[in-house]
Amino acid sequence: MILESLAVANAAYATIRTALENGKEISSVSRQIMQFATAKQDIERSHKKKKNGLFGTRADDDIEEFFHLEEIKEKERQLKELFMLYGRFGCWEDYQRFCADARKKRAAEQKRHEEQMHNLVVGLCIAAAFIVAIASIVAIAWLIYADKQGII
């Protein structure tokens, strides 16, 4: 997951840098900018997830993730320089605000999805309990009936 996100971030960064250095507008690489931001967030989320995981991580993985995060931070610093050099005044701040809003939106969507899954699981558990209860009542009623009829 981290390597795929790192590859996406690197490819997006290379495209952004090449386009801006060749005189294109920042808006022409908006898709790549969003890919970079999303990949960065995925790497950070994966790092936090592993860090807070049940079994922890190996030291080798920690060091590798540290350097991946450092690489992304360096690319983001270079991206900031490109925004300031080739973008309009305040473009980087607007980009940061946009990324924060997008993160909030994705977090809210993730939370909504988790709530839906939780509600689905609870609903399935209730349905299963109801079916077991009905089956138990039917079985007890049949046992009573069978006992009165002398079947068992």
C-alpha atoms as a PDB file:
ATOM      1  CA  MET A   1       0.000   0.000   0.000  1.00  0.00           C
ATOM      2  CA  ILE A   2       2.724   2.455   0.949  1.00  0.00           C
ATOM      3  CA  LEU A   3       4.870   1.635  -2.067  1.00  0.00           C
ATOM      4  CA  GLU A   4       1.924   2.052  -4.444  1.00  0.00           C
ATOM      5  CA  SER A   5       1.025   5.398  -2.869  1.00  0.00           C
ATOM      6  CA  LEU A   6       4.664   6.470  -3.003  1.00  0.00           C
ATOM      7  CA  ALA A   7       4.830   5.551  -6.699  1.00  0.00           C
ATOM      8  CA  VAL A   8       1.649   7.559  -7.377  1.00  0.00           C
ATOM      9  CA  ALA A   9       3.045  10.546  -5.461  1.00  0.00           C
ATOM     10  CA  ASN A  10       6.373  10.392  -7.294  1.00  0.00           C
ATOM     11  CA  ALA A  11       4.711  10.117 -10.705  1.00  0.00           C
ATOM     12  CA  ALA A  12       2.329  12.971  -9.906  1.00  0.00           C
ATOM     13  CA  TYR A  13       5.179  15.143  -8.641  1.00  0.00           C
ATOM     14  CA  ALA A  14       7.277  14.478 -11.735  1.00  0.00           C
ATOM     15  CA  THR A  15       4.364  15.391 -14.002  1.00  0.00           C
ATOM     16  CA  ILE A  16       3.617  18.565 -12.030  1.00  0.00           C
ATOM     17  CA  ARG A  17       7.233  19.697 -12.007  1.00  0.00           C
ATOM     18  CA  THR A  18       7.778  19.002 -15.715  1.00  0.00           C
ATOM     19  CA  ALA A  19       4.553  20.742 -16.708  1.00  0.00           C
ATOM     20  CA  LEU A  20       5.238  23.848 -14.628  1.00  0.00           C
ATOM     21  CA  GLU A  21       8.846  24.103 -15.768  1.00  0.00           C
ATOM     22  CA  ASN A  22       7.634  23.890 -19.370  1.00  0.00           C
ATOM     23  CA  GLY A  23       5.363  26.888 -18.850  1.00  0.00           C
ATOM     24  CA  LYS A  24       1.993  25.242 -18.222  1.00  0.00           C
ATOM     25  CA  GLU A  25      -0.479  26.654 -15.730  1.00  0.00           C
ATOM     26  CA  ILE A  26      -0.963  25.046 -12.324  1.00  0.00           C
ATOM     27  CA  SER A  27      -4.601  24.421 -13.180  1.00  0.00           C
ATOM     28  CA  SER A  28      -3.525  22.161 -16.064  1.00  0.00           C
ATOM     29  CA  VAL A  29      -2.054  19.663 -13.582  1.00  0.00           C
ATOM     30  CA  SER A  30      -4.851  19.812 -11.014  1.00  0.00           C
ATOM     31  CA  ARG A  31      -5.527  16.079 -11.345  1.00  0.00           C
ATOM     32  CA  GLN A  32      -1.891  15.255 -10.575  1.00  0.00           C
ATOM     33  CA  ILE A  33      -1.884  17.690  -7.667  1.00  0.00           C
ATOM     34  CA  MET A  34      -4.894  15.896  -6.198  1.00  0.00           C
ATOM     35  CA  GLN A  35      -3.218  12.520  -6.802  1.00  0.00           C
ATOM     36  CA  PHE A  36      -0.142  13.741  -4.932  1.00  0.00           C
ATOM     37  CA  ALA A  37      -2.212  15.021  -2.008  1.00  0.00           C
ATOM     38  CA  THR A  38      -4.256  11.817  -1.820  1.00  0.00           C
ATOM     39  CA  ALA A  39      -1.149   9.616  -1.992  1.00  0.00           C
ATOM     40  CA  LYS A  40       0.487  11.668   0.776  1.00  0.00           C
ATOM     41  CA  GLN A  41      -2.591  11.243   2.951  1.00  0.00           C
ATOM     42  CA  ASP A  42      -2.690   7.496   2.231  1.00  0.00           C
ATOM     43  CA  ILE A  43       0.949   7.113   3.277  1.00  0.00           C
ATOM     44  CA  GLU A  44       0.373   9.082   6.489  1.00  0.00           C
ATOM     45  CA  ARG A  45      -2.806   7.129   7.262  1.00  0.00           C
ATOM     46  CA  SER A  46      -1.039   3.825   6.660  1.00  0.00           C
ATOM     47  CA  HIS A  47       1.774   4.891   8.978  1.00  0.00           C
ATOM     48  CA  LYS A  48      -0.684   5.855  11.742  1.00  0.00           C
ATOM     49  CA  LYS A  49      -2.646   2.647  11.226  1.00  0.00           C
ATOM     50  CA  LYS A  50       0.470   0.492  11.597  1.00  0.00           C
ATOM     51  CA  LYS A  51       1.691   2.543  14.542  1.00  0.00           C
ATOM     52  CA  ASN A  52      -1.599   2.070  16.375  1.00  0.00           C
ATOM     53  CA  GLY A  53      -1.987  -1.544  15.273  1.00  0.00           C
ATOM     54  CA  LEU A  54      -2.476  -4.481  17.597  1.00  0.00           C
ATOM     55  CA  PHE A  55       0.865  -6.147  16.915  1.00  0.00           C
ATOM     56  CA  GLY A  56       3.045  -3.098  16.250  1.00  0.00           C
ATOM     57  CA  THR A  57       5.635  -3.031  13.490  1.00  0.00           C
ATOM     58  CA  ARG A  58       9.145  -4.276  12.878  1.00  0.00           C
ATOM     59  CA  ALA A  59      12.041  -1.854  13.221  1.00  0.00           C
ATOM     60  CA  ASP A  60      12.921  -2.296   9.512  1.00  0.00           C
ATOM     61  CA  ASP A  61       9.395  -1.285   8.516  1.00  0.00           C
ATOM     62  CA  ASP A  62       9.543   1.736  10.807  1.00  0.00           C
ATOM     63  CA  ILE A  63      12.782   2.967   9.272  1.00  0.00           C
ATOM     64  CA  GLU A  64      11.503   2.379   5.744  1.00  0.00           C
ATOM     65  CA  GLU A  65       8.270   4.247   6.487  1.00  0.00           C
ATOM     66  CA  PHE A  66      10.219   7.083   8.084  1.00  0.00           C
ATOM     67  CA  PHE A  67      12.250   7.578   4.910  1.00  0.00           C
ATOM     68  CA  HIS A  68       9.141   7.305   2.724  1.00  0.00           C
ATOM     69  CA  LEU A  69       7.470  10.008   4.812  1.00  0.00           C
ATOM     70  CA  GLU A  70      10.608  12.147   4.614  1.00  0.00           C
ATOM     71  CA  GLU A  71      10.681  11.738   0.836  1.00  0.00           C
ATOM     72  CA  ILE A  72       7.051  12.854   0.595  1.00  0.00           C
ATOM     73  CA  LYS A  73       7.728  15.842   2.880  1.00  0.00           C
ATOM     74  CA  GLU A  74      10.675  16.864   0.688  1.00  0.00           C
ATOM     75  CA  LYS A  75       8.562  16.558  -2.462  1.00  0.00           C
ATOM     76  CA  GLU A  76       5.854  18.636  -0.802  1.00  0.00           C
ATOM     77  CA  ARG A  77       8.429  21.294   0.112  1.00  0.00           C
ATOM     78  CA  GLN A  78       9.588  21.356  -3.522  1.00  0.00           C
ATOM     79  CA  LEU A  79       5.966  21.496  -4.646  1.00  0.00           C
ATOM     80  CA  LYS A  80       5.464  24.519  -2.406  1.00  0.00           C
ATOM     81  CA  GLU A  81       8.427  26.210  -4.101  1.00  0.00           C
ATOM     82  CA  LEU A  82       6.942  25.430  -7.524  1.00  0.00           C
ATOM     83  CA  PHE A  83       3.583  26.869  -6.460  1.00  0.00           C
ATOM     84  CA  MET A  84       5.246  30.023  -5.209  1.00  0.00           C
ATOM     85  CA  LEU A  85       7.422  30.340  -8.296  1.00  0.00           C
ATOM     86  CA  TYR A  86       4.856  29.544 -11.004  1.00  0.00           C
ATOM     87  CA  GLY A  87       1.521  30.153  -9.249  1.00  0.00           C
ATOM     88  CA  ARG A  88      -0.335  33.267  -8.334  1.00  0.00           C
ATOM     89  CA  PHE A  89       0.065  34.986  -4.986  1.00  0.00           C
ATOM     90  CA  GLY A  90      -1.551  32.932  -2.208  1.00  0.00           C
ATOM     91  CA  CYS A  91      -1.923  29.839  -4.376  1.00  0.00           C
ATOM     92  CA  TRP A  92      -0.070  27.587  -1.911  1.00  0.00           C
ATOM     93  CA  GLU A  93      -2.245  28.720   0.994  1.00  0.00           C
ATOM     94  CA  ASP A  94      -5.362  28.124  -1.084  1.00  0.00           C
ATOM     95  CA  TYR A  95      -4.032  24.686  -1.986  1.00  0.00           C
ATOM     96  CA  GLN A  96      -3.405  23.904   1.695  1.00  0.00           C
ATOM     97  CA  ARG A  97      -6.950  25.011   2.559  1.00  0.00           C
ATOM     98  CA  PHE A  98      -8.363  22.914  -0.276  1.00  0.00           C
ATOM     99  CA  CYS A  99      -6.411  19.850   0.898  1.00  0.00           C
ATOM    100  CA  ALA A 100      -7.650  20.329   4.465  1.00  0.00           C
ATOM    101  CA  ASP A 101     -11.242  20.550   3.237  1.00  0.00           C
ATOM    102  CA  ALA A 102     -10.777  17.466   1.062  1.00  0.00           C
ATOM    103  CA  ARG A 103      -9.307  15.546   4.027  1.00  0.00           C
ATOM    104  CA  LYS A 104     -12.269  16.518   6.179  1.00  0.00           C
ATOM    105  CA  LYS A 105     -14.670  15.457   3.453  1.00  0.00           C
ATOM    106  CA  ARG A 106     -12.916  12.080   3.014  1.00  0.00           C
ATOM    107  CA  ALA A 107     -12.852  11.562   6.790  1.00  0.00           C
ATOM    108  CA  ALA A 108     -16.563  12.311   7.031  1.00  0.00           C
ATOM    109  CA  GLU A 109     -17.258   9.923   4.139  1.00  0.00           C
ATOM    110  CA  GLN A 110     -15.135   7.231   5.805  1.00  0.00           C
ATOM    111  CA  LYS A 111     -16.978   7.730   9.096  1.00  0.00           C
ATOM    112  CA  ARG A 112     -20.345   7.556   7.340  1.00  0.00           C
ATOM    113  CA  HIS A 113     -19.274   4.348   5.584  1.00  0.00           C
ATOM    114  CA  GLU A 114     -18.114   2.818   8.884  1.00  0.00           C
ATOM    115  CA  GLU A 115     -21.437   3.747  10.519  1.00  0.00           C
ATOM    116  CA  GLN A 116     -23.329   2.147   7.655  1.00  0.00           C
ATOM    117  CA  MET A 117     -21.277  -1.044   7.990  1.00  0.00           C
ATOM    118  CA  HIS A 118     -21.837  -1.048  11.754  1.00  0.00           C
ATOM    119  CA  ASN A 119     -25.585  -0.620  11.266  1.00  0.00           C
ATOM    120  CA  LEU A 120     -25.581  -3.436   8.708  1.00  0.00           C
ATOM    121  CA  VAL A 121     -23.764  -5.795  11.092  1.00  0.00           C
ATOM    122  CA  VAL A 122     -26.090  -4.883  13.969  1.00  0.00           C
ATOM    123  CA  GLY A 123     -29.107  -5.432  11.715  1.00  0.00           C
ATOM    124  CA  LEU A 124     -27.815  -8.820  10.599  1.00  0.00           C
ATOM    125  CA  CYS A 125     -27.149  -9.845  14.219  1.00  0.00           C
ATOM    126  CA  ILE A 126     -30.659  -8.800  15.245  1.00  0.00           C
ATOM    127  CA  ALA A 127     -32.140 -10.697  12.296  1.00  0.00           C
ATOM    128  CA  ALA A 128     -30.102 -13.797  13.169  1.00  0.00           C
ATOM    129  CA  ALA A 129     -31.171 -13.573  16.836  1.00  0.00           C
ATOM    130  CA  PHE A 130     -34.804 -13.189  15.750  1.00  0.00           C
ATOM    131  CA  ILE A 131     -34.568 -16.246  13.475  1.00  0.00           C
ATOM    132  CA  VAL A 132     -32.966 -18.299  16.266  1.00  0.00           C
ATOM    133  CA  ALA A 133     -35.673 -17.155  18.701  1.00  0.00           C
ATOM    134  CA  ILE A 134     -38.476 -18.091  16.264  1.00  0.00           C
ATOM    135  CA  ALA A 135     -36.830 -21.448  15.514  1.00  0.00           C
ATOM    136  CA  SER A 136     -36.493 -22.125  19.257  1.00  0.00           C
ATOM    137  CA  ILE A 137     -40.143 -21.283  19.895  1.00  0.00           C
ATOM    138  CA  VAL A 138     -41.231 -23.529  17.017  1.00  0.00           C
ATOM    139  CA  ALA A 139     -38.991 -26.348  18.290  1.00  0.00           C
ATOM    140  CA  ILE A 140     -40.347 -26.046  21.848  1.00  0.00           C
ATOM    141  CA  ALA A 141     -43.929 -25.920  20.577  1.00  0.00           C
ATOM    142  CA  TRP A 142     -43.298 -29.017  18.453  1.00  0.00           C
ATOM    143  CA  LEU A 143     -41.741 -30.843  21.419  1.00  0.00           C
ATOM    144  CA  ILE A 144     -44.771 -30.001  23.583  1.00  0.00           C
ATOM    145  CA  TYR A 145     -47.141 -31.114  20.829  1.00  0.00           C
ATOM    146  CA  ALA A 146     -45.138 -34.283  20.201  1.00  0.00           C
ATOM    147  CA  ASP A 147     -45.093 -35.064  23.922  1.00  0.00           C
ATOM    148  CA  LYS A 148     -48.895 -34.667  24.209  1.00  0.00           C
ATOM    149  CA  GLN A 149     -49.429 -36.846  21.114  1.00  0.00           C
ATOM    150  CA  GLY A 150     -47.048 -39.493  22.413  1.00  0.00           C
ATOM    151  CA  ILE A 151     -44.723 -39.197  19.450  1.00  0.00           C
ATOM    152  CA  ILE A 152     -41.656 -38.882  21.640  1.00  0.00           C
END
